[in-house]
């Protein structure tokens, strides 16, 4: 500084333009990348529609389907498997399964109050009938969201079904009430 003036002073935004500072997108510093990732994670955590992209990478890395499959390897039966194994869901599309996995997995990762727990059938079957019923009712609500959204997009989640086939019957409800 000479006589109260700054010589060759550059504003921070000028340094980025002239290449004297790395571009945060092209050459992110760990700190910038960390802040960016934290912001993306925070946005993702509150976005209730992330399930609509079950094969896109999440801010945590893998897609929702990949994360679900890693958590529930082949041979482990989940509540989704139980649902899709029912006669009324035998014709369900692969997209319906993927979106259902997406909504169940995203709600679990977001720790949403409407998440389905437990997801593993073995753990579910150890619960009292009323608790099992609550799990299936939560799954039904999520499955209805998926079904209705898919239909609104012109997809046919369960061919021939105008509405989500029932997952829980009145007989199931009566058995649970007796437990």
Protein backbone atom coordinates (compact mmCIF):
# COMPACT_ATOMS: atom_id res chain seq x y z
CA UNK A 1 0.00 0.00 0.00
CA UNK A 2 1.43 3.38 -0.99
CA UNK A 3 -0.14 6.72 -0.08
CA UNK A 4 -3.36 5.02 1.03
CA UNK A 5 -3.93 3.24 -2.27
CA UNK A 6 -3.66 -0.42 -3.00
CA UNK A 7 -1.58 -1.30 -6.00
CA UNK A 8 -2.41 -4.33 -8.07
CA UNK A 9 -5.24 -5.16 -5.70
CA UNK A 10 -7.60 -7.81 -6.93
CA UNK A 11 -10.96 -8.71 -5.60
CA UNK A 12 -11.44 -12.44 -4.83
CA UNK A 13 -13.84 -12.84 -7.73
CA UNK A 14 -11.18 -11.38 -10.10
CA UNK A 15 -8.63 -13.96 -8.99
CA UNK A 16 -11.01 -16.74 -9.94
CA UNK A 17 -11.55 -15.29 -13.40
CA UNK A 18 -7.86 -14.82 -14.17
CA UNK A 19 -6.97 -18.34 -13.09
CA UNK A 20 -4.97 -17.48 -9.98
CA UNK A 21 -7.46 -19.39 -7.83
CA UNK A 22 -8.86 -22.80 -8.65
CA UNK A 23 -12.37 -23.00 -9.98
CA UNK A 24 -14.55 -24.66 -7.31
CA UNK A 25 -16.32 -26.76 -9.93
CA UNK A 26 -13.39 -27.81 -12.11
CA UNK A 27 -10.84 -28.10 -9.30
CA UNK A 28 -12.70 -28.27 -6.01
CA UNK A 29 -10.73 -28.00 -2.82
CA UNK A 30 -11.69 -30.56 -0.19
CA UNK A 31 -13.30 -27.80 1.87
CA UNK A 32 -15.41 -26.52 -1.04
CA UNK A 33 -16.29 -30.02 -2.13
CA UNK A 34 -17.25 -30.91 1.42
CA UNK A 35 -19.50 -27.84 1.73
CA UNK A 36 -21.06 -28.58 -1.65
CA UNK A 37 -21.69 -32.21 -0.72
CA UNK A 38 -23.13 -31.20 2.64
CA UNK A 39 -25.49 -28.80 0.87
CA UNK A 40 -26.54 -31.48 -1.61
CA UNK A 41 -27.12 -33.95 1.22
CA UNK A 42 -29.18 -31.42 3.17
CA UNK A 43 -31.31 -30.66 0.10
CA UNK A 44 -31.71 -34.37 -0.65
CA UNK A 45 -32.67 -35.14 2.96
CA UNK A 46 -35.73 -32.92 2.76
CA UNK A 47 -36.78 -33.69 -0.81
CA UNK A 48 -39.77 -36.05 -0.53
CA UNK A 49 -39.63 -36.80 -4.27
CA UNK A 50 -36.12 -38.29 -4.50
CA UNK A 51 -37.66 -41.76 -4.79
CA UNK A 52 -38.86 -40.81 -8.26
CA UNK A 53 -35.27 -41.33 -9.45
CA UNK A 54 -34.43 -44.77 -8.03
CA UNK A 55 -31.45 -45.37 -10.35
CA UNK A 56 -29.74 -41.98 -10.00
CA UNK A 57 -26.82 -41.62 -7.61
CA UNK A 58 -27.70 -40.10 -4.27
CA UNK A 59 -25.38 -37.57 -2.59
CA UNK A 60 -24.17 -40.56 -0.57
CA UNK A 61 -22.93 -42.42 -3.64
CA UNK A 62 -25.01 -45.34 -4.89
CA UNK A 63 -28.56 -45.14 -6.22
CA UNK A 64 -31.53 -45.97 -4.01
CA UNK A 65 -31.95 -49.38 -5.67
CA UNK A 66 -28.23 -50.18 -5.28
CA UNK A 67 -28.29 -49.09 -1.63
CA UNK A 68 -31.36 -51.23 -0.94
CA UNK A 69 -29.88 -54.25 -2.69
CA UNK A 70 -26.60 -53.87 -0.80
CA UNK A 71 -28.48 -53.72 2.50
CA UNK A 72 -30.67 -56.69 1.56
CA UNK A 73 -28.58 -59.18 -0.44
CA UNK A 74 -30.03 -61.98 -2.55
CA UNK A 75 -31.74 -64.54 -0.41
CA UNK A 76 -32.91 -62.06 2.22
CA UNK A 77 -36.66 -61.60 2.00
CA UNK A 78 -37.97 -58.07 2.52
CA UNK A 79 -41.46 -56.69 3.05
CA UNK A 80 -41.35 -55.62 -0.60
CA UNK A 81 -40.70 -59.24 -1.60
CA UNK A 82 -43.62 -60.35 0.57
CA UNK A 83 -45.89 -57.77 -1.03
CA UNK A 84 -44.86 -58.47 -4.62
CA UNK A 85 -45.15 -62.22 -3.96
CA UNK A 86 -48.90 -61.90 -3.40
CA UNK A 87 -51.19 -63.01 -6.23
CA UNK A 88 -52.63 -59.53 -6.79
CA UNK A 89 -49.11 -58.18 -7.51
CA UNK A 90 -47.84 -60.96 -9.78
CA UNK A 91 -48.15 -58.77 -12.86
CA UNK A 92 -46.52 -55.70 -11.27
CA UNK A 93 -43.98 -54.02 -13.51
CA UNK A 94 -40.27 -53.89 -12.76
CA UNK A 95 -40.63 -50.10 -12.66
CA UNK A 96 -43.21 -50.43 -9.88
CA UNK A 97 -40.77 -52.55 -7.89
CA UNK A 98 -37.92 -50.11 -8.49
CA UNK A 99 -39.99 -47.07 -7.50
CA UNK A 100 -41.30 -48.93 -4.45
CA UNK A 101 -37.73 -49.77 -3.45
CA UNK A 102 -36.85 -46.12 -4.09
CA UNK A 103 -39.54 -44.73 -1.81
CA UNK A 104 -38.91 -47.27 0.97
CA UNK A 105 -35.13 -46.72 0.81
CA UNK A 106 -35.31 -42.93 0.57
CA UNK A 107 -37.68 -42.70 3.54
CA UNK A 108 -35.32 -44.91 5.56
CA UNK A 109 -32.26 -42.82 4.62
CA UNK A 110 -34.13 -39.60 5.40
CA UNK A 111 -35.32 -41.04 8.73
CA UNK A 112 -38.81 -39.96 7.70
CA UNK A 113 -41.65 -40.68 10.12
CA UNK A 114 -43.47 -42.69 7.44
CA UNK A 115 -40.53 -45.05 6.86
CA UNK A 116 -41.17 -48.78 6.87
CA UNK A 117 -39.40 -50.63 9.67
CA UNK A 118 -38.41 -53.35 9.80
CA UNK A 119 -37.81 -54.02 6.12
CA UNK A 120 -36.56 -57.58 6.61
CA UNK A 121 -39.33 -60.19 6.61
CA UNK A 122 -37.58 -62.26 9.27
CA UNK A 123 -37.59 -59.34 11.71
CA UNK A 124 -41.16 -58.46 10.75
CA UNK A 125 -42.46 -61.94 11.50
CA UNK A 126 -41.09 -61.80 15.05
CA UNK A 127 -43.35 -58.83 15.82
CA UNK A 128 -46.87 -59.18 17.22
CA UNK A 129 -49.60 -59.26 14.55
CA UNK A 130 -50.70 -55.67 15.30
CA UNK A 131 -47.16 -54.37 14.78
CA UNK A 132 -46.91 -56.37 11.55
CA UNK A 133 -50.17 -54.80 10.41
CA UNK A 134 -48.80 -51.29 11.09
CA UNK A 135 -45.74 -52.06 8.95
CA UNK A 136 -47.93 -53.28 6.08
CA UNK A 137 -50.19 -50.24 6.43
CA UNK A 138 -47.16 -47.93 6.11
CA UNK A 139 -45.99 -49.94 3.10
CA UNK A 140 -49.48 -49.62 1.60
CA UNK A 141 -49.42 -45.82 1.94
CA UNK A 142 -46.03 -45.63 0.21
CA UNK A 143 -47.10 -48.13 -2.46
CA UNK A 144 -50.23 -46.05 -3.14
CA UNK A 145 -48.06 -42.97 -3.63
CA UNK A 146 -45.92 -44.88 -6.11
CA UNK A 147 -48.93 -46.38 -7.89
CA UNK A 148 -50.77 -43.06 -8.22
CA UNK A 149 -47.62 -41.19 -9.33
CA UNK A 150 -46.81 -43.82 -11.96
CA UNK A 151 -50.36 -43.73 -13.31
CA UNK A 152 -50.22 -39.91 -13.48
CA UNK A 153 -47.09 -40.28 -15.65
CA UNK A 154 -48.86 -42.69 -18.01
CA UNK A 155 -47.20 -45.83 -16.67
CA UNK A 156 -49.02 -49.05 -15.80
CA UNK A 157 -47.59 -50.19 -12.45
CA UNK A 158 -49.84 -53.22 -12.07
CA UNK A 159 -51.34 -54.03 -15.47
CA UNK A 160 -55.11 -54.27 -15.35
CA UNK A 161 -55.42 -52.51 -11.97
CA UNK A 162 -57.09 -49.10 -11.82
CA UNK A 163 -56.09 -48.73 -8.16
CA UNK A 164 -53.51 -50.34 -5.94
CA UNK A 165 -54.59 -53.90 -5.13
CA UNK A 166 -55.10 -54.31 -1.39
CA UNK A 167 -52.11 -55.49 0.59
CA UNK A 168 -54.02 -56.03 3.83
CA UNK A 169 -57.46 -57.63 3.87
CA UNK A 170 -60.21 -57.31 6.46
CA UNK A 171 -59.42 -60.88 7.51
CA UNK A 172 -55.82 -59.78 8.18
CA UNK A 173 -57.10 -56.90 10.28
CA UNK A 174 -59.37 -59.18 12.30
CA UNK A 175 -56.52 -61.65 12.95
CA UNK A 176 -54.30 -58.78 14.09
CA UNK A 177 -57.02 -57.47 16.41
CA UNK A 178 -57.28 -60.90 18.04
CA UNK A 179 -53.55 -61.01 18.75
